[in-house]
Amino acid sequence: MSPSTLCCRKNAFSVADTENAIRSTVRMISGCMDSQTSADVSNVSQFQLPDPAGRSGGACTSAFLRIMYNEQQRPSYDLTFSEVLMGMRGVLSNGSYSQIPQLT
């Protein structure tokens, strides 16, 4: 089924249509649990990122970047999604952030 066929059905999509039109595996890391809010950081230098220049940003994004930059030091080893998630949780916990990133 072509994308134009899907667009012209007046939003009458079935699960089969969607599964046939979009074949993918999606993984998402959210910044926190549903019952929490994600923190903003006024100075990301505490995350020890390359050249943070005192900029502000999200705590979860900064934790993710720290894990990824540290990974570059071990190019022969690929992290799993679970390892990234657990690493982010550790970085945030050590920084006294209460948010707990989730993998969905």
C-alpha atoms as a PDB file:
ATOM      1  CA  MET A   1       0.000   0.000   0.000  1.00  0.00           C
ATOM      2  CA  SER A   2       1.439   3.350  -0.960  1.00  0.00           C
ATOM      3  CA  PRO A   3       1.692   6.304   1.462  1.00  0.00           C
ATOM      4  CA  SER A   4      -0.710   8.251  -0.751  1.00  0.00           C
ATOM      5  CA  THR A   5      -3.332   5.529  -0.294  1.00  0.00           C
ATOM      6  CA  LEU A   6      -2.947   5.791   3.477  1.00  0.00           C
ATOM      7  CA  CYS A   7      -3.323   9.577   3.342  1.00  0.00           C
ATOM      8  CA  CYS A   8      -6.501   9.520   1.335  1.00  0.00           C
ATOM      9  CA  ARG A   9      -8.602   7.198   3.465  1.00  0.00           C
ATOM     10  CA  LYS A  10      -9.890   9.962   5.740  1.00  0.00           C
ATOM     11  CA  ASN A  11      -7.884   8.717   8.737  1.00  0.00           C
ATOM     12  CA  ALA A  12      -9.431   5.234   8.606  1.00  0.00           C
ATOM     13  CA  PHE A  13      -6.239   3.324   9.381  1.00  0.00           C
ATOM     14  CA  SER A  14      -6.249  -0.252  10.530  1.00  0.00           C
ATOM     15  CA  VAL A  15      -3.467  -1.893  12.503  1.00  0.00           C
ATOM     16  CA  ALA A  16      -2.649  -4.010   9.449  1.00  0.00           C
ATOM     17  CA  ASP A  17      -2.297  -0.868   7.304  1.00  0.00           C
ATOM     18  CA  THR A  18       0.112   0.661   9.772  1.00  0.00           C
ATOM     19  CA  GLU A  19       2.174  -2.494  10.222  1.00  0.00           C
ATOM     20  CA  ASN A  20       2.465  -2.946   6.460  1.00  0.00           C
ATOM     21  CA  ALA A  21       3.292   0.696   5.762  1.00  0.00           C
ATOM     22  CA  ILE A  22       5.798   1.238   8.570  1.00  0.00           C
ATOM     23  CA  ARG A  23       8.145  -1.623   9.307  1.00  0.00           C
ATOM     24  CA  SER A  24      10.469  -0.603  12.118  1.00  0.00           C
ATOM     25  CA  THR A  25      11.597  -1.185  15.643  1.00  0.00           C
ATOM     26  CA  VAL A  26      11.381   1.891  17.834  1.00  0.00           C
ATOM     27  CA  ARG A  27      13.096   2.381  21.171  1.00  0.00           C
ATOM     28  CA  MET A  28      12.785   5.567  23.150  1.00  0.00           C
ATOM     29  CA  ILE A  29      14.520   6.802  26.256  1.00  0.00           C
ATOM     30  CA  SER A  30      12.294   9.233  28.118  1.00  0.00           C
ATOM     31  CA  GLY A  31      13.716  11.716  30.593  1.00  0.00           C
ATOM     32  CA  CYS A  32      11.766  10.434  33.579  1.00  0.00           C
ATOM     33  CA  MET A  33       8.897   8.301  34.820  1.00  0.00           C
ATOM     34  CA  ASP A  34       5.351   9.476  34.058  1.00  0.00           C
ATOM     35  CA  SER A  35       4.926  10.671  37.630  1.00  0.00           C
ATOM     36  CA  GLN A  36       8.077  12.856  37.458  1.00  0.00           C
ATOM     37  CA  THR A  37       9.275  15.927  35.621  1.00  0.00           C
ATOM     38  CA  SER A  38      12.574  16.201  33.763  1.00  0.00           C
ATOM     39  CA  ALA A  39      15.084  18.649  35.211  1.00  0.00           C
ATOM     40  CA  ASP A  40      16.751  21.509  33.400  1.00  0.00           C
ATOM     41  CA  VAL A  41      20.339  22.367  34.228  1.00  0.00           C
ATOM     42  CA  SER A  42      21.600  25.943  34.230  1.00  0.00           C
ATOM     43  CA  ASN A  43      25.232  24.873  33.772  1.00  0.00           C
ATOM     44  CA  VAL A  44      25.977  21.484  32.215  1.00  0.00           C
ATOM     45  CA  SER A  45      29.672  21.593  33.177  1.00  0.00           C
ATOM     46  CA  GLN A  46      28.864  19.271  36.108  1.00  0.00           C
ATOM     47  CA  PHE A  47      28.304  16.498  33.550  1.00  0.00           C
ATOM     48  CA  GLN A  48      31.925  16.740  32.367  1.00  0.00           C
ATOM     49  CA  LEU A  49      31.015  17.100  28.684  1.00  0.00           C
ATOM     50  CA  PRO A  50      33.564  18.227  26.120  1.00  0.00           C
ATOM     51  CA  ASP A  51      33.396  22.019  25.819  1.00  0.00           C
ATOM     52  CA  PRO A  52      30.163  22.679  27.752  1.00  0.00           C
ATOM     53  CA  ALA A  53      31.034  26.412  27.950  1.00  0.00           C
ATOM     54  CA  GLY A  54      28.673  26.810  30.909  1.00  0.00           C
ATOM     55  CA  ARG A  55      25.576  26.301  28.789  1.00  0.00           C
ATOM     56  CA  SER A  56      22.205  25.229  30.072  1.00  0.00           C
ATOM     57  CA  GLY A  57      20.393  22.101  28.954  1.00  0.00           C
ATOM     58  CA  GLY A  58      18.414  19.088  30.057  1.00  0.00           C
ATOM     59  CA  ALA A  59      19.759  16.824  32.777  1.00  0.00           C
ATOM     60  CA  CYS A  60      18.754  13.648  30.927  1.00  0.00           C
ATOM     61  CA  THR A  61      20.248  14.847  27.634  1.00  0.00           C
ATOM     62  CA  SER A  62      23.468  15.787  29.426  1.00  0.00           C
ATOM     63  CA  ALA A  63      23.610  12.368  31.106  1.00  0.00           C
ATOM     64  CA  PHE A  64      23.046  10.668  27.737  1.00  0.00           C
ATOM     65  CA  LEU A  65      25.827  12.720  26.133  1.00  0.00           C
ATOM     66  CA  ARG A  66      28.203  11.900  28.970  1.00  0.00           C
ATOM     67  CA  ILE A  67      27.592   8.176  28.484  1.00  0.00           C
ATOM     68  CA  MET A  68      28.076   8.500  24.712  1.00  0.00           C
ATOM     69  CA  TYR A  69      31.258  10.576  25.025  1.00  0.00           C
ATOM     70  CA  ASN A  70      32.656   8.055  27.513  1.00  0.00           C
ATOM     71  CA  GLU A  71      31.780   5.287  25.040  1.00  0.00           C
ATOM     72  CA  GLN A  72      34.021   6.902  22.430  1.00  0.00           C
ATOM     73  CA  GLN A  73      36.944   5.968  24.652  1.00  0.00           C
ATOM     74  CA  ARG A  74      36.097   2.282  24.022  1.00  0.00           C
ATOM     75  CA  PRO A  75      35.419   2.091  20.266  1.00  0.00           C
ATOM     76  CA  SER A  76      35.594  -1.714  20.141  1.00  0.00           C
ATOM     77  CA  TYR A  77      32.649  -2.098  22.528  1.00  0.00           C
ATOM     78  CA  ASP A  78      29.027  -1.242  21.686  1.00  0.00           C
ATOM     79  CA  LEU A  79      26.696  -0.375  24.545  1.00  0.00           C
ATOM     80  CA  THR A  80      23.273  -1.975  24.717  1.00  0.00           C
ATOM     81  CA  PHE A  81      20.178   0.152  25.260  1.00  0.00           C
ATOM     82  CA  SER A  82      20.005  -1.179  28.828  1.00  0.00           C
ATOM     83  CA  GLU A  83      23.627  -0.214  29.508  1.00  0.00           C
ATOM     84  CA  VAL A  84      23.001   3.314  28.221  1.00  0.00           C
ATOM     85  CA  LEU A  85      19.871   3.608  30.351  1.00  0.00           C
ATOM     86  CA  MET A  86      21.564   2.305  33.503  1.00  0.00           C
ATOM     87  CA  GLY A  87      24.548   4.583  32.899  1.00  0.00           C
ATOM     88  CA  MET A  88      22.242   7.594  32.547  1.00  0.00           C
ATOM     89  CA  ARG A  89      20.443   6.662  35.758  1.00  0.00           C
ATOM     90  CA  GLY A  90      23.773   6.442  37.566  1.00  0.00           C
ATOM     91  CA  VAL A  91      24.955   9.828  36.281  1.00  0.00           C
ATOM     92  CA  LEU A  92      21.690  11.477  37.307  1.00  0.00           C
ATOM     93  CA  SER A  93      21.598   9.777  40.704  1.00  0.00           C
ATOM     94  CA  ASN A  94      25.199  10.796  41.445  1.00  0.00           C
ATOM     95  CA  GLY A  95      24.246  14.356  40.554  1.00  0.00           C
ATOM     96  CA  SER A  96      21.352  14.280  43.047  1.00  0.00           C
ATOM     97  CA  TYR A  97      18.658  14.329  40.348  1.00  0.00           C
ATOM     98  CA  SER A  98      15.534  12.421  41.323  1.00  0.00           C
ATOM     99  CA  GLN A  99      14.342  11.737  37.776  1.00  0.00           C
ATOM    100  CA  ILE A 100      14.650   8.162  36.515  1.00  0.00           C
ATOM    101  CA  PRO A 101      14.965   7.756  32.723  1.00  0.00           C
ATOM    102  CA  GLN A 102      12.815   5.007  31.181  1.00  0.00           C
ATOM    103  CA  LEU A 103      13.284   2.804  28.122  1.00  0.00           C
ATOM    104  CA  THR A 104      10.164   2.130  26.046  1.00  0.00           C
END
